[in-house]
Amino acid sequence: DLSLLDRKIFVSNRDAVVWTKRLIEEEGIFAGVSSGAVAAISHRVGSDLESGNVVTVFPDGGWKYLSSGVYTRTVEELEADGTLERASFW
């Protein structure tokens, strides 16, 4: 069986940043926040599957996010100063 996702799945800025950090810290993948969002959704979808595989394509690298503080500050710091609330990562 082959399944195709044909829906929009929303992810918060917070979850996107959390997963961006996980990709670099746990997997060594220097991905951007859009890729973090994709990873968050892939994990969510995969958790709902009884069997099968989830194939994920990461759409961006981390270079354009270097000045955002995503890689150097904690999620709590980014939330505290409003960065996550007002950020427009995509």
N, C-alpha and C. Protein backbone atom coordinates (compact mmCIF):
# COMPACT_ATOMS: atom_id res chain seq x y z
N ASP A 1 0.82 -1.19 0.00
CA ASP A 1 0.00 0.00 0.00
C ASP A 1 0.86 1.25 0.00
N LEU A 2 0.46 2.22 -0.76
CA LEU A 2 1.15 3.50 -0.82
C LEU A 2 0.17 4.58 -0.42
N SER A 3 0.53 5.34 0.58
CA SER A 3 -0.34 6.43 1.03
C SER A 3 0.30 7.76 0.66
N LEU A 4 -0.53 8.71 0.34
CA LEU A 4 -0.07 10.05 0.00
C LEU A 4 -0.81 11.04 0.89
N LEU A 5 -0.05 11.89 1.53
CA LEU A 5 -0.68 12.94 2.33
C LEU A 5 -1.16 14.03 1.41
N ASP A 6 -2.42 14.32 1.50
CA ASP A 6 -2.98 15.35 0.64
C ASP A 6 -3.77 16.35 1.46
N ARG A 7 -3.17 16.76 2.54
CA ARG A 7 -3.83 17.72 3.43
C ARG A 7 -2.78 18.67 4.00
N LYS A 8 -3.27 19.75 4.54
CA LYS A 8 -2.41 20.69 5.24
C LYS A 8 -2.38 20.31 6.70
N ILE A 9 -1.20 20.30 7.27
CA ILE A 9 -1.04 20.01 8.68
C ILE A 9 -0.25 21.17 9.27
N PHE A 10 -0.82 21.84 10.23
CA PHE A 10 -0.19 23.02 10.80
C PHE A 10 0.73 22.65 11.96
N VAL A 11 1.80 23.40 12.08
CA VAL A 11 2.76 23.21 13.16
C VAL A 11 3.09 24.59 13.73
N SER A 12 3.23 24.67 15.02
CA SER A 12 3.55 25.95 15.65
C SER A 12 5.01 26.31 15.44
N ASN A 13 5.32 27.60 15.55
CA ASN A 13 6.72 28.03 15.49
C ASN A 13 7.54 27.31 16.55
N ARG A 14 6.96 27.16 17.74
CA ARG A 14 7.67 26.49 18.83
C ARG A 14 8.06 25.07 18.44
N ASP A 15 7.10 24.29 17.95
CA ASP A 15 7.39 22.92 17.56
C ASP A 15 8.40 22.86 16.42
N ALA A 16 8.30 23.78 15.48
CA ALA A 16 9.26 23.82 14.37
C ALA A 16 10.68 24.07 14.88
N VAL A 17 10.82 24.98 15.83
CA VAL A 17 12.14 25.28 16.38
C VAL A 17 12.65 24.12 17.23
N VAL A 18 11.78 23.53 18.03
CA VAL A 18 12.17 22.37 18.85
C VAL A 18 12.73 21.27 17.95
N TRP A 19 12.04 20.97 16.86
CA TRP A 19 12.48 19.91 15.97
C TRP A 19 13.70 20.32 15.15
N THR A 20 13.86 21.60 14.85
CA THR A 20 15.09 22.07 14.19
C THR A 20 16.27 21.80 15.10
N LYS A 21 16.12 22.11 16.38
CA LYS A 21 17.18 21.86 17.35
C LYS A 21 17.45 20.36 17.50
N ARG A 22 16.41 19.55 17.49
CA ARG A 22 16.59 18.11 17.59
C ARG A 22 17.37 17.57 16.39
N LEU A 23 17.05 18.07 15.20
CA LEU A 23 17.75 17.60 14.00
C LEU A 23 19.25 17.86 14.10
N ILE A 24 19.64 19.05 14.56
CA ILE A 24 21.07 19.36 14.63
C ILE A 24 21.74 18.65 15.81
N GLU A 25 21.07 18.61 16.96
CA GLU A 25 21.69 18.03 18.15
C GLU A 25 21.72 16.50 18.12
N GLU A 26 20.66 15.87 17.64
CA GLU A 26 20.56 14.42 17.69
C GLU A 26 21.02 13.73 16.40
N GLU A 27 20.87 14.42 15.27
CA GLU A 27 21.18 13.79 13.99
C GLU A 27 22.33 14.46 13.24
N GLY A 28 22.76 15.63 13.70
CA GLY A 28 23.82 16.34 13.02
C GLY A 28 23.39 16.94 11.69
N ILE A 29 22.09 17.20 11.54
CA ILE A 29 21.56 17.77 10.31
C ILE A 29 21.34 19.27 10.52
N PHE A 30 22.10 20.08 9.79
CA PHE A 30 21.99 21.54 9.90
C PHE A 30 20.84 22.01 9.02
N ALA A 31 19.65 21.85 9.53
CA ALA A 31 18.43 22.16 8.79
C ALA A 31 17.86 23.50 9.23
N GLY A 32 17.00 24.04 8.39
CA GLY A 32 16.31 25.27 8.72
C GLY A 32 15.01 24.99 9.46
N VAL A 33 14.34 26.04 9.83
CA VAL A 33 13.11 25.93 10.62
C VAL A 33 11.99 25.27 9.81
N SER A 34 11.96 25.48 8.50
CA SER A 34 10.97 24.79 7.67
C SER A 34 11.18 23.28 7.74
N SER A 35 12.42 22.87 7.75
CA SER A 35 12.73 21.45 7.89
C SER A 35 12.34 20.94 9.27
N GLY A 36 12.52 21.77 10.28
CA GLY A 36 12.07 21.40 11.63
C GLY A 36 10.57 21.18 11.67
N ALA A 37 9.84 22.01 10.94
CA ALA A 37 8.38 21.85 10.86
C ALA A 37 8.03 20.52 10.17
N VAL A 38 8.74 20.21 9.11
CA VAL A 38 8.50 18.95 8.39
C VAL A 38 8.82 17.76 9.31
N ALA A 39 9.90 17.85 10.07
CA ALA A 39 10.27 16.77 10.99
C ALA A 39 9.19 16.58 12.06
N ALA A 40 8.67 17.68 12.58
CA ALA A 40 7.62 17.60 13.59
C ALA A 40 6.39 16.89 13.04
N ILE A 41 5.99 17.24 11.85
CA ILE A 41 4.82 16.63 11.23
C ILE A 41 5.10 15.18 10.87
N SER A 42 6.28 14.89 10.38
CA SER A 42 6.63 13.50 10.05
C SER A 42 6.56 12.62 11.29
N HIS A 43 7.05 13.13 12.39
CA HIS A 43 6.98 12.38 13.64
C HIS A 43 5.53 12.16 14.06
N ARG A 44 4.73 13.20 13.95
CA ARG A 44 3.31 13.11 14.32
C ARG A 44 2.60 12.07 13.46
N VAL A 45 2.81 12.13 12.15
CA VAL A 45 2.17 11.19 11.23
C VAL A 45 2.68 9.77 11.49
N GLY A 46 3.99 9.63 11.67
CA GLY A 46 4.56 8.31 11.93
C GLY A 46 4.06 7.68 13.21
N SER A 47 3.81 8.50 14.20
CA SER A 47 3.29 8.00 15.48
C SER A 47 1.89 7.41 15.34
N ASP A 48 1.16 7.87 14.34
CA ASP A 48 -0.20 7.40 14.13
C ASP A 48 -0.28 6.15 13.24
N LEU A 49 0.84 5.76 12.63
CA LEU A 49 0.84 4.61 11.74
C LEU A 49 1.01 3.31 12.51
N GLU A 50 0.29 2.29 12.10
CA GLU A 50 0.50 0.96 12.69
C GLU A 50 1.73 0.30 12.08
N SER A 51 1.95 0.52 10.81
CA SER A 51 3.13 0.00 10.13
C SER A 51 3.41 0.88 8.91
N GLY A 52 4.58 0.70 8.34
CA GLY A 52 4.94 1.47 7.16
C GLY A 52 6.07 2.43 7.41
N ASN A 53 6.35 3.24 6.45
CA ASN A 53 7.45 4.20 6.51
C ASN A 53 6.95 5.60 6.21
N VAL A 54 7.63 6.56 6.77
CA VAL A 54 7.37 7.96 6.46
C VAL A 54 8.63 8.49 5.79
N VAL A 55 8.50 9.00 4.59
CA VAL A 55 9.63 9.57 3.87
C VAL A 55 9.53 11.08 4.01
N THR A 56 10.63 11.68 4.41
CA THR A 56 10.64 13.12 4.68
C THR A 56 11.72 13.80 3.83
N VAL A 57 11.37 14.90 3.21
CA VAL A 57 12.32 15.70 2.44
C VAL A 57 12.46 17.03 3.17
N PHE A 58 13.68 17.37 3.55
CA PHE A 58 13.92 18.63 4.24
C PHE A 58 14.13 19.74 3.22
N PRO A 59 13.29 20.78 3.27
CA PRO A 59 13.28 21.81 2.22
C PRO A 59 14.34 22.90 2.35
N ASP A 60 15.05 22.97 3.47
CA ASP A 60 16.00 24.07 3.59
C ASP A 60 17.14 23.72 4.54
N GLY A 61 18.21 24.48 4.40
CA GLY A 61 19.34 24.38 5.31
C GLY A 61 19.26 25.48 6.35
N GLY A 62 20.17 25.48 7.28
CA GLY A 62 20.10 26.42 8.38
C GLY A 62 20.75 27.77 8.17
N TRP A 63 21.41 27.95 7.03
CA TRP A 63 22.20 29.18 6.83
C TRP A 63 21.41 30.46 6.99
N LYS A 64 20.22 30.52 6.46
CA LYS A 64 19.47 31.78 6.50
C LYS A 64 18.87 32.07 7.87
N TYR A 65 18.98 31.12 8.79
CA TYR A 65 18.42 31.30 10.14
C TYR A 65 19.48 31.61 11.19
N LEU A 66 20.73 31.76 10.77
CA LEU A 66 21.81 31.97 11.73
C LEU A 66 21.60 33.18 12.63
N SER A 67 21.05 34.25 12.10
CA SER A 67 20.87 35.46 12.90
C SER A 67 19.60 35.43 13.75
N SER A 68 18.79 34.38 13.61
CA SER A 68 17.51 34.31 14.34
C SER A 68 17.66 33.90 15.80
N GLY A 69 18.79 33.32 16.16
CA GLY A 69 18.98 32.83 17.52
C GLY A 69 18.51 31.40 17.72
N VAL A 70 17.99 30.78 16.68
CA VAL A 70 17.45 29.42 16.78
C VAL A 70 18.51 28.43 17.25
N TYR A 71 19.75 28.62 16.81
CA TYR A 71 20.81 27.65 17.13
C TYR A 71 21.60 28.00 18.38
N THR A 72 21.45 29.22 18.86
CA THR A 72 22.28 29.66 19.98
C THR A 72 21.50 29.93 21.26
N ARG A 73 20.18 30.00 21.16
CA ARG A 73 19.36 30.31 22.33
C ARG A 73 18.40 29.17 22.59
N THR A 74 17.94 29.06 23.82
CA THR A 74 16.97 28.02 24.15
C THR A 74 15.59 28.42 23.65
N VAL A 75 14.72 27.43 23.55
CA VAL A 75 13.34 27.70 23.14
C VAL A 75 12.69 28.64 24.15
N GLU A 76 12.99 28.44 25.41
CA GLU A 76 12.42 29.29 26.47
C GLU A 76 12.86 30.75 26.30
N GLU A 77 14.11 30.97 25.94
CA GLU A 77 14.59 32.34 25.71
C GLU A 77 13.89 32.96 24.51
N LEU A 78 13.71 32.17 23.46
CA LEU A 78 13.04 32.67 22.26
C LEU A 78 11.58 33.00 22.54
N GLU A 79 10.96 32.22 23.42
CA GLU A 79 9.57 32.51 23.81
C GLU A 79 9.50 33.74 24.70
N ALA A 80 10.42 33.84 25.64
CA ALA A 80 10.38 34.93 26.62
C ALA A 80 10.49 36.30 25.97
N ASP A 81 11.32 36.43 24.94
CA ASP A 81 11.47 37.75 24.31
C ASP A 81 10.53 37.96 23.12
N GLY A 82 9.63 36.98 22.88
CA GLY A 82 8.62 37.13 21.84
C GLY A 82 9.07 36.74 20.44
N THR A 83 10.30 36.24 20.30
CA THR A 83 10.81 35.88 18.98
C THR A 83 9.91 34.84 18.30
N LEU A 84 9.52 33.81 19.04
CA LEU A 84 8.70 32.76 18.44
C LEU A 84 7.32 33.26 18.04
N GLU A 85 6.79 34.18 18.83
CA GLU A 85 5.45 34.70 18.56
C GLU A 85 5.42 35.57 17.31
N ARG A 86 6.43 36.38 17.12
CA ARG A 86 6.42 37.32 16.00
C ARG A 86 7.23 36.86 14.79
N ALA A 87 7.89 35.72 14.92
CA ALA A 87 8.74 35.23 13.82
C ALA A 87 7.90 34.82 12.62
N SER A 88 8.46 35.07 11.47
CA SER A 88 7.85 34.62 10.22
C SER A 88 8.90 33.78 9.52
N PHE A 89 8.98 32.51 9.93
CA PHE A 89 10.00 31.63 9.38
C PHE A 89 9.69 31.15 7.97
N TRP A 90 8.40 31.19 7.60
CA TRP A 90 8.04 30.71 6.27
C TRP A 90 7.06 31.64 5.62
